[in-house]
Amino acid sequence: MRALIIDDERLARKELTTLLSVHKDIELIGEAVNADDAFEKINTMQPDLIFLDIQMPGKTGFELLESLERVPKVIFTTAYDEFAIKAFQYNALDYLLKPIQPERLNETVKKLFNEGVAQGEEDLSGLPQKKLGATDQVFVKDGDKCWFVRLSNIRLFESDGNYIKVYFDNFKPMIHKSLNALDERLDDRTFFRASRKHIVNLDWVESIEPWFNGGLMVQLKGGEKVEVSRRQAAKFKDMMSL
């Protein structure tokens, strides 16, 4: 697993590098000294995992996450335990308090790989992905609430003015993005543009029935019903092998 350390303190980066040296399954591919530096390195190096300091000069670790399109696994590292609750609200993999103890890091690494096995992840290290696929993780922020969400768990994107409503689990947060821009980034083998207003996850389709004017009505496993426009119906049938 390829990892990047993001911390403005040189000694903190050095300490974590030393602690990680005994974990041979984690390959440290670089360091970043602030959020802007991290943004560039994440996009070019595409690490599987980042160790992310929260309080840094300029942008915080949370603000960095908001700027990323594809989010790696995240382990927060910080000297301020007041951020612990907020970090877990972001559903990070774990939270390490500085100075990091070797035993605590061992627990986190074990958790990291146990989660990977449970989710059946494949190692795609070094393979650039131009499209966001089902196994990718994204960061969703709506007000003070934030989530890391695997795209396979998102069943529907719905346009609402200049925002998109994201459907996953029992949540429907709003993000400031256009549906057209999102459609260009999603892998069309998994996500289908049903209409000008909706993008559906094909893996969540439960049933399909004919609808008015040559269109289709799709019901998702989450209970939502989405109309597929007549223009898109033929393509949809072909993709679903109807």
C-alpha atoms as a PDB file:
ATOM      1  CA  MET A   1       0.000   0.000   0.000  1.00  0.00           C
ATOM      2  CA  ARG A   2       1.480   3.334  -1.112  1.00  0.00           C
ATOM      3  CA  ALA A   3       1.354   6.102   1.503  1.00  0.00           C
ATOM      4  CA  LEU A   4       1.955   9.840   1.685  1.00  0.00           C
ATOM      5  CA  ILE A   5       2.674  11.784   4.892  1.00  0.00           C
ATOM      6  CA  ILE A   6       1.170  15.288   5.077  1.00  0.00           C
ATOM      7  CA  ASP A   7       2.458  17.412   7.958  1.00  0.00           C
ATOM      8  CA  ASP A   8       4.001  20.872   8.224  1.00  0.00           C
ATOM      9  CA  GLU A   9       6.394  19.771  11.016  1.00  0.00           C
ATOM     10  CA  ARG A  10       9.614  18.185   9.767  1.00  0.00           C
ATOM     11  CA  LEU A  11      10.262  16.285  13.003  1.00  0.00           C
ATOM     12  CA  ALA A  12       6.733  14.858  12.969  1.00  0.00           C
ATOM     13  CA  ARG A  13       7.241  13.616   9.401  1.00  0.00           C
ATOM     14  CA  LYS A  14      10.594  12.087  10.348  1.00  0.00           C
ATOM     15  CA  GLU A  15       9.139  10.382  13.435  1.00  0.00           C
ATOM     16  CA  LEU A  16       6.257   8.832  11.492  1.00  0.00           C
ATOM     17  CA  THR A  17       8.616   7.743   8.710  1.00  0.00           C
ATOM     18  CA  THR A  18      10.723   5.882  11.277  1.00  0.00           C
ATOM     19  CA  LEU A  19       7.670   4.225  12.830  1.00  0.00           C
ATOM     20  CA  LEU A  20       6.375   3.127   9.410  1.00  0.00           C
ATOM     21  CA  SER A  21       9.725   1.584   8.413  1.00  0.00           C
ATOM     22  CA  VAL A  22       8.865  -1.635  10.271  1.00  0.00           C
ATOM     23  CA  HIS A  23       5.600  -2.020   8.348  1.00  0.00           C
ATOM     24  CA  LYS A  24       6.813  -3.557   5.096  1.00  0.00           C
ATOM     25  CA  ASP A  25       3.316  -3.632   3.543  1.00  0.00           C
ATOM     26  CA  ILE A  26       3.246   0.168   3.554  1.00  0.00           C
ATOM     27  CA  GLU A  27       5.470   1.882   0.999  1.00  0.00           C
ATOM     28  CA  LEU A  28       6.155   5.512   1.842  1.00  0.00           C
ATOM     29  CA  ILE A  29       6.222   7.325  -1.513  1.00  0.00           C
ATOM     30  CA  GLY A  30       6.605  10.911  -0.320  1.00  0.00           C
ATOM     31  CA  GLU A  31       5.899  13.764   2.049  1.00  0.00           C
ATOM     32  CA  ALA A  32       3.969  17.025   1.766  1.00  0.00           C
ATOM     33  CA  VAL A  33       4.445  20.086   3.946  1.00  0.00           C
ATOM     34  CA  ASN A  34       1.029  21.727   3.527  1.00  0.00           C
ATOM     35  CA  ALA A  35      -2.369  21.277   1.876  1.00  0.00           C
ATOM     36  CA  ASP A  36      -1.380  22.831  -1.463  1.00  0.00           C
ATOM     37  CA  ASP A  37       1.727  20.657  -1.674  1.00  0.00           C
ATOM     38  CA  ALA A  38      -0.372  17.623  -0.742  1.00  0.00           C
ATOM     39  CA  PHE A  39      -3.014  18.402  -3.371  1.00  0.00           C
ATOM     40  CA  GLU A  40      -0.414  18.301  -6.143  1.00  0.00           C
ATOM     41  CA  LYS A  41       1.291  15.165  -4.866  1.00  0.00           C
ATOM     42  CA  ILE A  42      -1.954  13.263  -4.299  1.00  0.00           C
ATOM     43  CA  ASN A  43      -3.091  13.991  -7.852  1.00  0.00           C
ATOM     44  CA  THR A  44       0.245  13.040  -9.430  1.00  0.00           C
ATOM     45  CA  MET A  45       1.354  10.167  -7.180  1.00  0.00           C
ATOM     46  CA  GLN A  46      -2.113   8.755  -6.373  1.00  0.00           C
ATOM     47  CA  PRO A  47      -1.334   7.222  -2.976  1.00  0.00           C
ATOM     48  CA  ASP A  48      -3.602   4.547  -1.519  1.00  0.00           C
ATOM     49  CA  LEU A  49      -3.289   6.062   1.954  1.00  0.00           C
ATOM     50  CA  ILE A  50      -2.508   9.459   3.470  1.00  0.00           C
ATOM     51  CA  PHE A  51      -1.420  10.284   7.009  1.00  0.00           C
ATOM     52  CA  LEU A  52      -2.983  13.726   7.351  1.00  0.00           C
ATOM     53  CA  ASP A  53      -2.236  16.426   9.900  1.00  0.00           C
ATOM     54  CA  ILE A  54      -5.303  18.540  10.645  1.00  0.00           C
ATOM     55  CA  GLN A  55      -3.854  21.888  11.747  1.00  0.00           C
ATOM     56  CA  MET A  56      -1.419  23.286   9.180  1.00  0.00           C
ATOM     57  CA  PRO A  57      -0.534  26.808   8.043  1.00  0.00           C
ATOM     58  CA  GLY A  58      -2.944  27.941   5.344  1.00  0.00           C
ATOM     59  CA  LYS A  59      -5.543  25.273   4.614  1.00  0.00           C
ATOM     60  CA  THR A  60      -6.449  22.626   7.180  1.00  0.00           C
ATOM     61  CA  GLY A  61      -6.497  18.911   6.525  1.00  0.00           C
ATOM     62  CA  PHE A  62     -10.282  19.053   6.255  1.00  0.00           C
ATOM     63  CA  GLU A  63     -10.081  21.768   3.596  1.00  0.00           C
ATOM     64  CA  LEU A  64      -7.620  19.622   1.641  1.00  0.00           C
ATOM     65  CA  LEU A  65     -10.115  16.763   1.606  1.00  0.00           C
ATOM     66  CA  GLU A  66     -12.838  19.064   0.285  1.00  0.00           C
ATOM     67  CA  SER A  67     -10.637  19.961  -2.699  1.00  0.00           C
ATOM     68  CA  LEU A  68      -9.917  16.356  -3.744  1.00  0.00           C
ATOM     69  CA  GLU A  69     -11.948  14.604  -6.397  1.00  0.00           C
ATOM     70  CA  ARG A  70     -10.815  11.096  -5.480  1.00  0.00           C
ATOM     71  CA  VAL A  71      -9.943  10.583  -1.817  1.00  0.00           C
ATOM     72  CA  PRO A  72      -7.443   7.939  -0.620  1.00  0.00           C
ATOM     73  CA  LYS A  73      -7.817   6.195   2.721  1.00  0.00           C
ATOM     74  CA  VAL A  74      -7.204   8.727   5.487  1.00  0.00           C
ATOM     75  CA  ILE A  75      -5.561   8.419   8.887  1.00  0.00           C
ATOM     76  CA  PHE A  76      -5.595  11.713  10.769  1.00  0.00           C
ATOM     77  CA  THR A  77      -2.542  12.667  12.829  1.00  0.00           C
ATOM     78  CA  THR A  78      -2.594  15.665  15.171  1.00  0.00           C
ATOM     79  CA  ALA A  79      -1.424  16.969  18.538  1.00  0.00           C
ATOM     80  CA  TYR A  80      -4.884  18.346  19.321  1.00  0.00           C
ATOM     81  CA  ASP A  81      -7.306  15.771  20.673  1.00  0.00           C
ATOM     82  CA  GLU A  82     -10.134  18.320  20.465  1.00  0.00           C
ATOM     83  CA  PHE A  83     -10.352  17.390  16.789  1.00  0.00           C
ATOM     84  CA  ALA A  84     -10.907  13.692  17.484  1.00  0.00           C
ATOM     85  CA  ILE A  85     -14.698  13.755  17.444  1.00  0.00           C
ATOM     86  CA  LYS A  86     -14.827  15.819  14.276  1.00  0.00           C
ATOM     87  CA  ALA A  87     -12.337  13.501  12.571  1.00  0.00           C
ATOM     88  CA  PHE A  88     -14.482  10.472  13.244  1.00  0.00           C
ATOM     89  CA  GLN A  89     -17.539  12.316  11.966  1.00  0.00           C
ATOM     90  CA  TYR A  90     -15.628  12.405   8.711  1.00  0.00           C
ATOM     91  CA  ASN A  91     -15.499   8.597   8.940  1.00  0.00           C
ATOM     92  CA  ALA A  92     -11.723   8.470   8.675  1.00  0.00           C
ATOM     93  CA  LEU A  93     -10.030   5.111   8.990  1.00  0.00           C
ATOM     94  CA  ASP A  94      -8.436   6.157  12.286  1.00  0.00           C
ATOM     95  CA  TYR A  95      -7.088   9.017  14.360  1.00  0.00           C
ATOM     96  CA  LEU A  96      -3.567   9.111  15.820  1.00  0.00           C
ATOM     97  CA  LEU A  97      -2.639  11.538  18.594  1.00  0.00           C
ATOM     98  CA  LYS A  98       0.896  12.950  18.581  1.00  0.00           C
ATOM     99  CA  PRO A  99       3.392  11.898  19.734  1.00  0.00           C
ATOM    100  CA  ILE A 100       2.368   8.687  17.983  1.00  0.00           C
ATOM    101  CA  GLN A 101       2.982   5.537  19.982  1.00  0.00           C
ATOM    102  CA  PRO A 102       4.257   2.450  18.096  1.00  0.00           C
ATOM    103  CA  GLU A 103       1.605   0.236  19.684  1.00  0.00           C
ATOM    104  CA  ARG A 104      -1.147   2.611  18.598  1.00  0.00           C
ATOM    105  CA  LEU A 105       0.208   2.736  15.050  1.00  0.00           C
ATOM    106  CA  ASN A 106       0.337  -1.070  14.979  1.00  0.00           C
ATOM    107  CA  GLU A 107      -3.375  -1.181  15.856  1.00  0.00           C
ATOM    108  CA  THR A 108      -4.158   1.264  13.066  1.00  0.00           C
ATOM    109  CA  VAL A 109      -2.168  -0.650  10.439  1.00  0.00           C
ATOM    110  CA  LYS A 110      -3.883  -3.883  11.457  1.00  0.00           C
ATOM    111  CA  LYS A 111      -7.254  -2.173  11.142  1.00  0.00           C
ATOM    112  CA  LEU A 112      -6.240  -0.777   7.758  1.00  0.00           C
ATOM    113  CA  PHE A 113      -5.468  -4.168   6.243  1.00  0.00           C
ATOM    114  CA  ASN A 114      -8.364  -5.961   7.925  1.00  0.00           C
ATOM    115  CA  GLU A 115     -10.729  -3.438   6.345  1.00  0.00           C
ATOM    116  CA  GLY A 116      -9.110  -3.913   2.954  1.00  0.00           C
ATOM    117  CA  VAL A 117      -9.539  -7.689   3.085  1.00  0.00           C
ATOM    118  CA  ALA A 118     -13.140  -7.376   4.253  1.00  0.00           C
ATOM    119  CA  GLN A 119     -13.982  -5.098   1.336  1.00  0.00           C
ATOM    120  CA  GLY A 120     -12.165  -7.256  -1.207  1.00  0.00           C
ATOM    121  CA  GLU A 121      -9.979  -4.428  -2.451  1.00  0.00           C
ATOM    122  CA  GLU A 122      -7.562  -4.882  -5.319  1.00  0.00           C
ATOM    123  CA  ASP A 123      -4.153  -3.283  -5.361  1.00  0.00           C
ATOM    124  CA  LEU A 124      -4.175  -0.726  -8.150  1.00  0.00           C
ATOM    125  CA  SER A 125      -0.942   0.965  -7.121  1.00  0.00           C
ATOM    126  CA  GLY A 126       0.595   3.019  -9.879  1.00  0.00           C
ATOM    127  CA  LEU A 127      -2.356   2.650 -12.228  1.00  0.00           C
ATOM    128  CA  PRO A 128      -3.809   6.094 -13.011  1.00  0.00           C
ATOM    129  CA  GLN A 129      -7.582   6.095 -13.189  1.00  0.00           C
ATOM    130  CA  LYS A 130      -9.166   8.748 -15.368  1.00  0.00           C
ATOM    131  CA  LYS A 131     -12.710   7.857 -14.340  1.00  0.00           C
ATOM    132  CA  LEU A 132     -14.209   7.489 -10.892  1.00  0.00           C
ATOM    133  CA  GLY A 133     -15.268   3.861 -10.488  1.00  0.00           C
ATOM    134  CA  ALA A 134     -17.280   1.915  -7.927  1.00  0.00           C
ATOM    135  CA  THR A 135     -14.272   1.179  -5.707  1.00  0.00           C
ATOM    136  CA  ASP A 136     -13.197   4.813  -5.465  1.00  0.00           C
ATOM    137  CA  GLN A 137     -13.881   6.841  -2.350  1.00  0.00           C
ATOM    138  CA  VAL A 138     -15.156  10.422  -2.446  1.00  0.00           C
ATOM    139  CA  PHE A 139     -15.509  13.111   0.173  1.00  0.00           C
ATOM    140  CA  VAL A 140     -18.988  14.585   0.656  1.00  0.00           C
ATOM    141  CA  LYS A 141     -19.527  17.719   2.748  1.00  0.00           C
ATOM    142  CA  ASP A 142     -22.884  19.298   3.555  1.00  0.00           C
ATOM    143  CA  GLY A 143     -22.678  22.064   6.145  1.00  0.00           C
ATOM    144  CA  ASP A 144     -20.933  20.703   9.235  1.00  0.00           C
ATOM    145  CA  LYS A 145     -21.546  17.070   8.264  1.00  0.00           C
ATOM    146  CA  CYS A 146     -18.976  15.185   6.252  1.00  0.00           C
ATOM    147  CA  TRP A 147     -18.536  11.642   4.959  1.00  0.00           C
ATOM    148  CA  PHE A 148     -16.072   9.453   3.132  1.00  0.00           C
ATOM    149  CA  VAL A 149     -18.254   7.437   0.760  1.00  0.00           C
ATOM    150  CA  ARG A 150     -17.363   4.592  -1.550  1.00  0.00           C
ATOM    151  CA  LEU A 151     -19.037   5.215  -4.917  1.00  0.00           C
ATOM    152  CA  SER A 152     -20.469   1.702  -4.920  1.00  0.00           C
ATOM    153  CA  ASN A 153     -22.641   2.786  -1.969  1.00  0.00           C
ATOM    154  CA  ILE A 154     -24.069   5.799  -3.810  1.00  0.00           C
ATOM    155  CA  ARG A 155     -27.233   4.737  -5.615  1.00  0.00           C
ATOM    156  CA  LEU A 156     -28.370   8.047  -7.108  1.00  0.00           C
ATOM    157  CA  PHE A 157     -27.246  11.581  -7.972  1.00  0.00           C
ATOM    158  CA  GLU A 158     -30.061  14.090  -8.414  1.00  0.00           C
ATOM    159  CA  SER A 159     -29.657  17.597  -9.780  1.00  0.00           C
ATOM    160  CA  ASP A 160     -31.263  20.404  -7.765  1.00  0.00           C
ATOM    161  CA  GLY A 161     -30.417  23.792  -9.234  1.00  0.00           C
ATOM    162  CA  ASN A 162     -26.692  24.414  -8.787  1.00  0.00           C
ATOM    163  CA  TYR A 163     -26.429  21.508  -6.358  1.00  0.00           C
ATOM    164  CA  ILE A 164     -26.511  17.719  -6.490  1.00  0.00           C
ATOM    165  CA  LYS A 165     -28.300  15.548  -3.945  1.00  0.00           C
ATOM    166  CA  VAL A 166     -26.255  12.437  -3.166  1.00  0.00           C
ATOM    167  CA  TYR A 167     -28.203   9.336  -2.091  1.00  0.00           C
ATOM    168  CA  PHE A 168     -26.385   6.772   0.088  1.00  0.00           C
ATOM    169  CA  ASP A 169     -27.517   4.802   3.146  1.00  0.00           C
ATOM    170  CA  ASN A 170     -30.157   6.997   4.811  1.00  0.00           C
ATOM    171  CA  PHE A 171     -28.387  10.238   3.857  1.00  0.00           C
ATOM    172  CA  LYS A 172     -29.118  12.756   1.112  1.00  0.00           C
ATOM    173  CA  PRO A 173     -26.511  15.521   1.455  1.00  0.00           C
ATOM    174  CA  MET A 174     -26.201  18.327  -1.095  1.00  0.00           C
ATOM    175  CA  ILE A 175     -22.939  19.210  -2.837  1.00  0.00           C
ATOM    176  CA  HIS A 176     -22.222  22.286  -4.930  1.00  0.00           C
ATOM    177  CA  LYS A 177     -21.482  20.768  -8.338  1.00  0.00           C
ATOM    178  CA  SER A 178     -23.129  20.438 -11.724  1.00  0.00           C
ATOM    179  CA  LEU A 179     -24.501  17.099 -12.881  1.00  0.00           C
ATOM    180  CA  ASN A 180     -22.804  17.532 -16.263  1.00  0.00           C
ATOM    181  CA  ALA A 181     -19.383  17.946 -14.623  1.00  0.00           C
ATOM    182  CA  LEU A 182     -19.979  14.913 -12.425  1.00  0.00           C
ATOM    183  CA  ASP A 183     -21.174  12.804 -15.360  1.00  0.00           C
ATOM    184  CA  GLU A 184     -17.887  13.419 -17.160  1.00  0.00           C
ATOM    185  CA  ARG A 185     -15.903  12.030 -14.210  1.00  0.00           C
ATOM    186  CA  LEU A 186     -17.954   8.895 -13.469  1.00  0.00           C
ATOM    187  CA  ASP A 187     -17.289   5.506 -15.048  1.00  0.00           C
ATOM    188  CA  ASP A 188     -20.226   4.882 -17.399  1.00  0.00           C
ATOM    189  CA  ARG A 189     -19.928   1.139 -16.872  1.00  0.00           C
ATOM    190  CA  THR A 190     -21.399   1.706 -13.406  1.00  0.00           C
ATOM    191  CA  PHE A 191     -23.200   5.057 -13.575  1.00  0.00           C
ATOM    192  CA  PHE A 192     -25.856   5.916 -16.144  1.00  0.00           C
ATOM    193  CA  ARG A 193     -27.202   9.338 -17.073  1.00  0.00           C
ATOM    194  CA  ALA A 194     -30.928   8.568 -16.958  1.00  0.00           C
ATOM    195  CA  SER A 195     -32.045  12.119 -17.720  1.00  0.00           C
ATOM    196  CA  ARG A 196     -30.970  15.731 -17.398  1.00  0.00           C
ATOM    197  CA  LYS A 197     -31.746  15.459 -13.676  1.00  0.00           C
ATOM    198  CA  HIS A 198     -30.535  11.997 -12.639  1.00  0.00           C
ATOM    199  CA  ILE A 199     -27.499   9.693 -12.689  1.00  0.00           C
ATOM    200  CA  VAL A 200     -28.186   6.183 -11.371  1.00  0.00           C
ATOM    201  CA  ASN A 201     -25.855   3.458 -10.141  1.00  0.00           C
ATOM    202  CA  LEU A 202     -26.684   0.435 -12.320  1.00  0.00           C
ATOM    203  CA  ASP A 203     -25.799  -1.962  -9.508  1.00  0.00           C
ATOM    204  CA  TRP A 204     -28.682  -0.513  -7.466  1.00  0.00           C
ATOM    205  CA  VAL A 205     -31.377  -1.083 -10.105  1.00  0.00           C
ATOM    206  CA  GLU A 206     -34.092  -3.353  -8.731  1.00  0.00           C
ATOM    207  CA  SER A 207     -36.795  -3.256 -11.401  1.00  0.00           C
ATOM    208  CA  ILE A 208     -37.623  -1.654 -14.753  1.00  0.00           C
ATOM    209  CA  GLU A 209     -40.974  -1.034 -16.385  1.00  0.00           C
ATOM    210  CA  PRO A 210     -42.189   0.735 -19.548  1.00  0.00           C
ATOM    211  CA  TRP A 211     -43.251   4.347 -19.035  1.00  0.00           C
ATOM    212  CA  PHE A 212     -44.907   7.161 -20.927  1.00  0.00           C
ATOM    213  CA  ASN A 213     -43.696   8.297 -24.354  1.00  0.00           C
ATOM    214  CA  GLY A 214     -41.280   5.402 -24.807  1.00  0.00           C
ATOM    215  CA  GLY A 215     -39.408   6.037 -21.584  1.00  0.00           C
ATOM    216  CA  LEU A 216     -38.719   3.700 -18.685  1.00  0.00           C
ATOM    217  CA  MET A 217     -39.348   3.815 -14.938  1.00  0.00           C
ATOM    218  CA  VAL A 218     -36.534   2.414 -12.840  1.00  0.00           C
ATOM    219  CA  GLN A 219     -36.881   1.498  -9.188  1.00  0.00           C
ATOM    220  CA  LEU A 220     -33.733   1.411  -7.096  1.00  0.00           C
ATOM    221  CA  LYS A 221     -33.042  -0.883  -4.166  1.00  0.00           C
ATOM    222  CA  GLY A 222     -33.204   2.157  -1.899  1.00  0.00           C
ATOM    223  CA  GLY A 223     -36.831   2.704  -2.908  1.00  0.00           C
ATOM    224  CA  GLU A 224     -36.390   5.687  -5.226  1.00  0.00           C
ATOM    225  CA  LYS A 225     -38.077   5.728  -8.639  1.00  0.00           C
ATOM    226  CA  VAL A 226     -36.270   7.384 -11.517  1.00  0.00           C
ATOM    227  CA  GLU A 227     -37.610   8.040 -14.997  1.00  0.00           C
ATOM    228  CA  VAL A 228     -35.294   7.226 -17.897  1.00  0.00           C
ATOM    229  CA  SER A 229     -35.987   9.580 -20.778  1.00  0.00           C
ATOM    230  CA  ARG A 230     -37.049   8.228 -24.155  1.00  0.00           C
ATOM    231  CA  ARG A 231     -33.771   9.459 -25.584  1.00  0.00           C
ATOM    232  CA  GLN A 232     -31.797   7.351 -23.082  1.00  0.00           C
ATOM    233  CA  ALA A 233     -34.124   4.334 -22.917  1.00  0.00           C
ATOM    234  CA  ALA A 234     -32.577   2.372 -25.790  1.00  0.00           C
ATOM    235  CA  LYS A 235     -29.064   2.825 -24.434  1.00  0.00           C
ATOM    236  CA  PHE A 236     -30.250   1.849 -20.946  1.00  0.00           C
ATOM    237  CA  LYS A 237     -31.890  -1.349 -22.229  1.00  0.00           C
ATOM    238  CA  ASP A 238     -28.700  -2.259 -24.039  1.00  0.00           C
ATOM    239  CA  MET A 239     -26.552  -1.715 -20.938  1.00  0.00           C
ATOM    240  CA  MET A 240     -28.927  -3.741 -18.761  1.00  0.00           C
ATOM    241  CA  SER A 241     -29.122  -6.499 -21.425  1.00  0.00           C
ATOM    242  CA  LEU A 242     -32.887  -6.256 -21.744  1.00  0.00           C
END
